[in-house]
N, C-alpha and C. Protein backbone atom coordinates (compact mmCIF):
# COMPACT_ATOMS: atom_id res chain seq x y z
N UNK A 1 155.80 128.76 128.92
CA UNK A 1 156.94 129.61 129.19
C UNK A 1 157.12 130.59 128.04
N UNK A 2 157.30 131.85 128.35
CA UNK A 2 157.44 132.86 127.29
C UNK A 2 158.87 132.91 126.77
N UNK A 3 159.01 133.41 125.55
CA UNK A 3 160.33 133.57 124.95
C UNK A 3 161.08 134.71 125.60
N UNK A 4 162.38 134.55 125.74
CA UNK A 4 163.21 135.64 126.24
C UNK A 4 163.45 136.63 125.11
N UNK A 5 163.35 137.90 125.45
CA UNK A 5 163.62 138.93 124.46
C UNK A 5 165.10 139.29 124.53
N UNK A 6 165.62 139.82 123.43
CA UNK A 6 167.04 140.15 123.31
C UNK A 6 167.15 141.60 122.86
N UNK A 7 168.07 142.35 123.49
CA UNK A 7 168.32 143.72 123.06
C UNK A 7 169.49 143.72 122.09
N UNK A 8 169.26 144.30 120.90
CA UNK A 8 170.29 144.43 119.88
C UNK A 8 170.66 145.91 119.77
N UNK A 9 171.85 146.32 120.25
CA UNK A 9 172.26 147.73 120.10
C UNK A 9 172.36 148.11 118.62
N UNK A 10 171.97 149.32 118.29
CA UNK A 10 171.99 149.78 116.91
C UNK A 10 173.39 149.68 116.31
N UNK A 11 174.42 150.03 117.07
CA UNK A 11 175.79 149.99 116.55
C UNK A 11 176.18 148.56 116.15
N UNK A 12 175.79 147.58 116.94
CA UNK A 12 176.08 146.18 116.62
C UNK A 12 175.32 145.76 115.36
N UNK A 13 174.04 146.14 115.28
CA UNK A 13 173.26 145.79 114.09
C UNK A 13 173.85 146.40 112.83
N UNK A 14 174.31 147.65 112.91
CA UNK A 14 174.93 148.29 111.75
C UNK A 14 176.12 147.48 111.26
N UNK A 15 176.96 147.04 112.19
CA UNK A 15 178.14 146.24 111.84
C UNK A 15 177.73 144.90 111.25
N UNK A 16 176.78 144.21 111.90
CA UNK A 16 176.36 142.90 111.44
C UNK A 16 175.65 142.96 110.09
N UNK A 17 174.89 144.04 109.85
CA UNK A 17 174.24 144.20 108.55
C UNK A 17 175.28 144.41 107.45
N UNK A 18 176.31 145.18 107.75
CA UNK A 18 177.32 145.48 106.73
C UNK A 18 178.16 144.25 106.37
N UNK A 19 178.37 143.34 107.33
CA UNK A 19 179.19 142.16 107.03
C UNK A 19 178.36 140.93 106.69
N UNK A 20 177.02 141.06 106.64
CA UNK A 20 176.16 139.96 106.24
C UNK A 20 175.87 138.94 107.32
N UNK A 21 176.22 139.26 108.56
CA UNK A 21 175.98 138.35 109.67
C UNK A 21 174.49 138.19 109.96
N UNK A 22 173.76 139.29 109.77
CA UNK A 22 172.31 139.27 109.97
C UNK A 22 171.62 139.77 108.72
N UNK A 23 170.35 139.41 108.61
CA UNK A 23 169.52 139.86 107.49
C UNK A 23 168.31 140.56 108.09
N UNK A 24 167.96 141.70 107.55
CA UNK A 24 166.83 142.47 108.05
C UNK A 24 165.81 142.64 106.95
N UNK A 25 164.59 142.18 107.23
CA UNK A 25 163.48 142.32 106.28
C UNK A 25 162.29 142.87 107.05
N UNK A 26 161.96 144.12 106.78
CA UNK A 26 160.88 144.78 107.51
C UNK A 26 161.23 144.87 108.98
N UNK A 27 160.38 144.32 109.82
CA UNK A 27 160.65 144.36 111.26
C UNK A 27 161.18 143.03 111.78
N UNK A 28 161.74 142.21 110.89
CA UNK A 28 162.24 140.90 111.29
C UNK A 28 163.73 140.76 110.99
N UNK A 29 164.48 140.39 112.02
CA UNK A 29 165.92 140.19 111.93
C UNK A 29 166.20 138.70 111.96
N UNK A 30 167.09 138.24 111.10
CA UNK A 30 167.50 136.83 111.11
C UNK A 30 169.01 136.76 111.29
N UNK A 31 169.45 135.92 112.22
CA UNK A 31 170.87 135.63 112.35
C UNK A 31 171.16 134.57 111.30
N UNK A 32 171.93 134.95 110.29
CA UNK A 32 172.11 134.11 109.11
C UNK A 32 172.64 132.73 109.46
N UNK A 33 173.72 132.63 110.22
CA UNK A 33 174.35 131.33 110.51
C UNK A 33 173.45 130.40 111.30
N UNK A 34 172.63 130.94 112.17
CA UNK A 34 171.78 130.12 113.03
C UNK A 34 170.35 129.98 112.51
N UNK A 35 169.99 130.82 111.54
CA UNK A 35 168.63 130.85 111.00
C UNK A 35 167.59 131.07 112.10
N UNK A 36 167.95 131.90 113.06
CA UNK A 36 167.03 132.26 114.15
C UNK A 36 166.50 133.65 113.85
N UNK A 37 165.19 133.82 113.97
CA UNK A 37 164.56 135.08 113.62
C UNK A 37 163.98 135.77 114.85
N UNK A 38 164.00 137.11 114.80
CA UNK A 38 163.47 137.94 115.88
C UNK A 38 162.64 139.06 115.29
N UNK A 39 161.49 139.33 115.88
CA UNK A 39 160.66 140.47 115.50
C UNK A 39 161.14 141.66 116.32
N UNK A 40 161.45 142.78 115.65
CA UNK A 40 162.09 143.92 116.29
C UNK A 40 161.12 145.04 116.64
N UNK A 41 161.38 145.67 117.79
CA UNK A 41 160.67 146.86 118.23
C UNK A 41 161.72 147.89 118.66
N UNK A 42 161.60 149.11 118.16
CA UNK A 42 162.58 150.14 118.50
C UNK A 42 162.59 150.38 120.01
N UNK A 43 163.78 150.34 120.59
CA UNK A 43 163.92 150.39 122.04
C UNK A 43 165.21 151.11 122.44
N UNK A 44 165.37 151.31 123.73
CA UNK A 44 166.62 151.84 124.27
C UNK A 44 166.96 151.07 125.54
N UNK A 45 168.27 150.98 125.80
CA UNK A 45 168.73 150.45 127.08
C UNK A 45 169.16 151.65 127.89
N UNK A 46 168.60 151.80 129.07
CA UNK A 46 168.88 152.96 129.92
C UNK A 46 170.12 152.63 130.75
N UNK A 47 171.19 153.42 130.52
CA UNK A 47 172.48 153.12 131.12
C UNK A 47 172.63 153.75 132.50
N UNK A 48 172.37 155.05 132.60
CA UNK A 48 172.47 155.72 133.91
C UNK A 48 171.71 157.03 133.93
N UNK A 49 171.44 157.51 135.13
CA UNK A 49 170.81 158.81 135.36
C UNK A 49 171.95 159.80 135.50
N UNK A 50 171.90 160.90 134.75
CA UNK A 50 173.07 161.79 134.67
C UNK A 50 172.98 163.08 135.48
N UNK A 51 171.83 163.41 136.05
CA UNK A 51 171.72 164.67 136.80
C UNK A 51 172.20 164.53 138.24
N UNK A 52 172.37 163.29 138.69
CA UNK A 52 172.75 163.06 140.08
C UNK A 52 171.54 162.86 140.99
N UNK A 53 170.36 163.06 140.44
CA UNK A 53 169.13 162.85 141.22
C UNK A 53 168.83 161.35 141.28
N UNK A 54 167.96 160.99 142.19
CA UNK A 54 167.52 159.59 142.30
C UNK A 54 166.77 159.21 141.03
N UNK A 55 166.88 157.96 140.66
CA UNK A 55 166.17 157.44 139.49
C UNK A 55 164.71 157.20 139.87
N UNK A 56 163.93 158.28 139.89
CA UNK A 56 162.54 158.21 140.33
C UNK A 56 161.69 157.28 139.46
N UNK A 57 162.13 157.05 138.24
CA UNK A 57 161.37 156.21 137.31
C UNK A 57 161.82 154.75 137.32
N UNK A 58 162.87 154.45 138.10
CA UNK A 58 163.38 153.09 138.22
C UNK A 58 163.68 152.48 136.84
N UNK A 59 164.45 153.20 136.02
CA UNK A 59 164.72 152.78 134.66
C UNK A 59 166.15 152.32 134.41
N UNK A 60 167.10 152.75 135.22
CA UNK A 60 168.50 152.42 134.98
C UNK A 60 168.69 150.91 134.95
N UNK A 61 169.38 150.47 133.90
CA UNK A 61 169.65 149.04 133.72
C UNK A 61 168.55 148.29 132.99
N UNK A 62 167.51 148.97 132.60
CA UNK A 62 166.38 148.31 131.93
C UNK A 62 166.37 148.64 130.44
N UNK A 63 165.66 147.80 129.70
CA UNK A 63 165.41 148.04 128.28
C UNK A 63 163.92 148.31 128.15
N UNK A 64 163.59 149.41 127.50
CA UNK A 64 162.19 149.80 127.30
C UNK A 64 161.97 150.17 125.85
N UNK A 65 160.77 149.89 125.36
CA UNK A 65 160.47 150.29 123.98
C UNK A 65 160.36 151.80 123.92
N UNK A 66 160.71 152.34 122.79
CA UNK A 66 160.64 153.77 122.58
C UNK A 66 159.20 154.26 122.73
N UNK A 67 158.25 153.50 122.20
CA UNK A 67 156.83 153.89 122.29
C UNK A 67 156.36 153.96 123.74
N UNK A 68 156.74 152.98 124.55
CA UNK A 68 156.32 152.97 125.96
C UNK A 68 156.89 154.17 126.71
N UNK A 69 158.14 154.51 126.42
CA UNK A 69 158.75 155.66 127.09
C UNK A 69 158.10 156.97 126.65
N UNK A 70 157.80 157.09 125.36
CA UNK A 70 157.16 158.30 124.87
C UNK A 70 155.75 158.45 125.42
N UNK A 71 155.06 157.34 125.65
CA UNK A 71 153.74 157.40 126.29
C UNK A 71 153.82 158.00 127.69
N UNK A 72 154.96 157.77 128.36
CA UNK A 72 155.17 158.31 129.70
C UNK A 72 155.69 159.75 129.67
N UNK A 73 155.91 160.28 128.46
CA UNK A 73 156.37 161.66 128.32
C UNK A 73 157.86 161.81 128.12
N UNK A 74 158.56 160.74 127.86
CA UNK A 74 160.01 160.81 127.66
C UNK A 74 160.33 161.49 126.33
N UNK A 75 161.40 162.26 126.35
CA UNK A 75 161.94 162.87 125.13
C UNK A 75 163.27 162.20 124.85
N UNK A 76 163.39 161.60 123.67
CA UNK A 76 164.60 160.88 123.29
C UNK A 76 165.31 161.60 122.16
N UNK A 77 166.63 161.73 122.28
CA UNK A 77 167.45 162.30 121.22
C UNK A 77 168.79 161.59 121.23
N UNK A 78 169.02 160.78 120.21
CA UNK A 78 170.23 159.98 120.06
C UNK A 78 170.50 159.16 121.31
N UNK A 79 171.53 159.52 122.09
CA UNK A 79 171.89 158.72 123.27
C UNK A 79 171.46 159.37 124.58
N UNK A 80 170.49 160.26 124.50
CA UNK A 80 169.99 160.96 125.69
C UNK A 80 168.48 160.83 125.80
N UNK A 81 168.02 160.87 127.05
CA UNK A 81 166.58 160.82 127.28
C UNK A 81 166.27 161.68 128.50
N UNK A 82 165.18 162.44 128.40
CA UNK A 82 164.68 163.22 129.53
C UNK A 82 163.28 162.71 129.85
N UNK A 83 163.06 162.46 131.13
CA UNK A 83 161.75 162.02 131.60
C UNK A 83 161.52 162.70 132.93
N UNK A 84 160.58 163.63 132.94
CA UNK A 84 160.32 164.40 134.16
C UNK A 84 161.54 165.22 134.52
N UNK A 85 161.99 165.11 135.76
CA UNK A 85 163.16 165.85 136.23
C UNK A 85 164.45 165.08 136.02
N UNK A 86 164.37 163.90 135.45
CA UNK A 86 165.54 163.05 135.27
C UNK A 86 166.04 163.10 133.83
N UNK A 87 167.36 162.95 133.69
CA UNK A 87 168.00 162.82 132.38
C UNK A 87 168.84 161.54 132.41
N UNK A 88 168.85 160.84 131.28
CA UNK A 88 169.49 159.54 131.22
C UNK A 88 170.39 159.42 130.00
N UNK A 89 171.44 158.63 130.13
CA UNK A 89 172.20 158.15 128.98
C UNK A 89 171.54 156.85 128.54
N UNK A 90 171.33 156.71 127.23
CA UNK A 90 170.70 155.50 126.71
C UNK A 90 171.49 154.97 125.53
N UNK A 91 171.29 153.69 125.26
CA UNK A 91 171.86 153.06 124.07
C UNK A 91 170.69 152.72 123.16
N UNK A 92 170.62 153.36 121.99
CA UNK A 92 169.53 153.06 121.07
C UNK A 92 169.70 151.68 120.45
N UNK A 93 168.59 151.04 120.18
CA UNK A 93 168.65 149.73 119.56
C UNK A 93 167.27 149.15 119.34
N UNK A 94 167.20 147.85 119.37
CA UNK A 94 165.98 147.14 119.03
C UNK A 94 165.79 145.97 119.98
N UNK A 95 164.57 145.80 120.44
CA UNK A 95 164.21 144.67 121.28
C UNK A 95 163.72 143.57 120.36
N UNK A 96 164.33 142.40 120.45
CA UNK A 96 163.98 141.30 119.57
C UNK A 96 163.19 140.23 120.31
N UNK A 97 161.98 139.96 119.82
CA UNK A 97 161.16 138.86 120.32
C UNK A 97 161.38 137.68 119.39
N UNK A 98 161.85 136.53 119.92
CA UNK A 98 162.05 135.38 119.04
C UNK A 98 160.76 135.01 118.29
N UNK A 99 160.92 134.68 117.02
CA UNK A 99 159.79 134.22 116.22
C UNK A 99 159.70 132.71 116.43
N UNK A 100 158.63 132.28 117.04
CA UNK A 100 158.48 130.86 117.36
C UNK A 100 159.26 130.50 118.61
N UNK A 101 159.01 129.32 119.12
CA UNK A 101 159.70 128.87 120.32
C UNK A 101 161.09 128.33 119.96
N UNK A 102 161.94 128.22 120.97
CA UNK A 102 163.26 127.66 120.73
C UNK A 102 163.15 126.21 120.29
N UNK A 103 162.19 125.50 120.83
CA UNK A 103 161.98 124.11 120.44
C UNK A 103 161.64 124.01 118.95
N UNK A 104 160.79 124.92 118.46
CA UNK A 104 160.46 124.94 117.03
C UNK A 104 161.72 125.22 116.20
N UNK A 105 162.55 126.11 116.70
CA UNK A 105 163.80 126.43 116.01
C UNK A 105 164.70 125.20 115.92
N UNK A 106 164.81 124.45 117.03
CA UNK A 106 165.65 123.25 117.06
C UNK A 106 165.13 122.23 116.05
N UNK A 107 163.82 122.04 116.00
CA UNK A 107 163.24 121.09 115.04
C UNK A 107 163.55 121.53 113.62
N UNK A 108 163.38 122.80 113.34
CA UNK A 108 163.66 123.31 111.99
C UNK A 108 165.13 123.11 111.63
N UNK A 109 166.02 123.41 112.58
CA UNK A 109 167.46 123.25 112.33
C UNK A 109 167.82 121.78 112.13
N UNK A 110 167.14 120.88 112.82
CA UNK A 110 167.47 119.45 112.69
C UNK A 110 167.08 118.92 111.32
N UNK A 111 166.21 119.62 110.62
CA UNK A 111 165.78 119.19 109.29
C UNK A 111 166.72 119.68 108.19
N UNK A 112 167.71 120.49 108.56
CA UNK A 112 168.68 120.98 107.59
C UNK A 112 169.71 119.89 107.30
N UNK A 113 170.33 119.91 106.13
CA UNK A 113 171.27 118.85 105.74
C UNK A 113 172.48 118.68 106.67
N UNK A 114 173.08 119.78 107.13
CA UNK A 114 174.30 119.67 107.94
C UNK A 114 174.12 120.39 109.27
N UNK A 115 173.67 119.70 110.31
CA UNK A 115 173.51 120.37 111.60
C UNK A 115 174.84 120.77 112.20
N UNK A 116 174.81 121.78 113.04
CA UNK A 116 176.02 122.28 113.69
C UNK A 116 176.56 121.20 114.64
N UNK A 117 177.91 121.14 114.83
CA UNK A 117 178.48 120.13 115.71
C UNK A 117 178.02 120.25 117.16
N UNK A 118 177.78 121.47 117.62
CA UNK A 118 177.30 121.70 118.99
C UNK A 118 175.94 122.39 118.90
N UNK A 119 174.92 121.74 119.37
CA UNK A 119 173.59 122.33 119.33
C UNK A 119 173.30 123.03 120.64
N UNK A 120 173.02 124.35 120.61
CA UNK A 120 172.71 125.07 121.84
C UNK A 120 171.40 124.58 122.46
N UNK A 121 171.29 124.73 123.78
CA UNK A 121 170.14 124.24 124.50
C UNK A 121 169.01 125.23 124.63
N UNK A 122 169.26 126.52 124.36
CA UNK A 122 168.22 127.54 124.47
C UNK A 122 168.68 128.80 123.73
N UNK A 123 167.83 129.82 123.70
CA UNK A 123 168.16 131.06 122.98
C UNK A 123 169.42 131.72 123.54
N UNK A 124 169.59 131.69 124.86
CA UNK A 124 170.76 132.33 125.46
C UNK A 124 172.04 131.64 125.01
N UNK A 125 172.06 130.30 124.99
CA UNK A 125 173.24 129.56 124.54
C UNK A 125 173.52 129.84 123.07
N UNK A 126 172.45 129.90 122.26
CA UNK A 126 172.60 130.17 120.84
C UNK A 126 173.26 131.52 120.62
N UNK A 127 172.78 132.55 121.30
CA UNK A 127 173.35 133.89 121.12
C UNK A 127 174.77 133.96 121.69
N UNK A 128 175.02 133.32 122.82
CA UNK A 128 176.36 133.33 123.40
C UNK A 128 177.37 132.68 122.45
N UNK A 129 177.00 131.54 121.88
CA UNK A 129 177.88 130.84 120.94
C UNK A 129 178.15 131.73 119.73
N UNK A 130 177.11 132.34 119.23
CA UNK A 130 177.25 133.21 118.06
C UNK A 130 178.15 134.40 118.35
N UNK A 131 177.95 135.06 119.48
CA UNK A 131 178.75 136.24 119.83
C UNK A 131 180.21 135.86 120.09
N UNK A 132 180.45 134.70 120.67
CA UNK A 132 181.81 134.27 120.90
C UNK A 132 182.57 134.05 119.58
N UNK A 133 181.86 133.60 118.55
CA UNK A 133 182.48 133.43 117.24
C UNK A 133 182.92 134.77 116.65
N UNK A 134 182.18 135.84 116.99
CA UNK A 134 182.49 137.16 116.45
C UNK A 134 183.66 137.82 117.15
N UNK A 135 183.88 137.48 118.40
CA UNK A 135 184.92 138.16 119.19
C UNK A 135 186.27 137.63 118.95
């Protein structure tokens, strides 16, 4: 089973970096409290098509790497993207691939002196628990 990837919006990362919630070293992001690491790739989340034309590229609602979109001829500028006859609103950010499996993460966490009172069952639970603490 492959690891689920996570999209980290740039605005959220900026906030988390400034308050020490996450640590960034090269292309690797670590959630400090959970000690979970993700390898990052520059990406965008495509929010909507803004010209009123059909989404001929079937991109709305998807997260794509910046490199993959540029290979298709997309032009990206801040929160906008043009691809062919379509224009899109996008959210810039980073696609995170978990480093190691969730099972490996659980084993590593269990070897720490003080395990968390509630242990999440997978990456989605871990991130949900973490985000709920922030809100």
